[in-house]
Amino acid sequence: MKRSECEAVLYLHRTFRPRRRTGRGFLTGTVFLDAALLTVAFLLATSPFVLKPGIELELPDAASVGGIRYNDTVLSISSAGLFFFNDELVAPDNLEAVLTAAVQNSAGAALILEADRAVPQSTAAAVYDAAARAGFKRILIATQNTAR
């Protein structure tokens, strides 16, 4: 191409500018739509409507309910009298040995006792004593908030 032809093309390019730019609005909207969908997905994943597998317990009611720490361990007693330590079935005879091993593995962790409403108080008291003998310094009883 000669120089005069190049200058003519550049002149035409400067003279005939498009009135509307395409594609920019679509990309901006896509970014906001993507952020909104990610937020909705996060809220759905962390909502209480997501069911997680576990033991169905009917906890006793209490007006004031506290929180737990991340590394605390959970012992659940079902209405049928089955013991579950960290979601694993434990034989009643082997319970104290399992609790002792848990104390040695995670020193300073609290034990949360989730006992069904139908569990006799004598069973809950025996488990409480076994946990104290195993070495747990903090034993908490899980309850259900009545203010819901």
Foldseek 3Di string as FASTA:
>chain_A
DDPVVVVVVVVVPVVDDDPDDPDPVVVVVVVVVVVVVVVVVVCVVPDPVDDDDAADAAFAEDADDDDFDDPAWEWEAHLVGWIATNRHTDDPVCLLVVLLVVCVVDPPHEYEYEYHPNDDPVVVVVSVVSNVVSPHPHYHYDHDHPVD
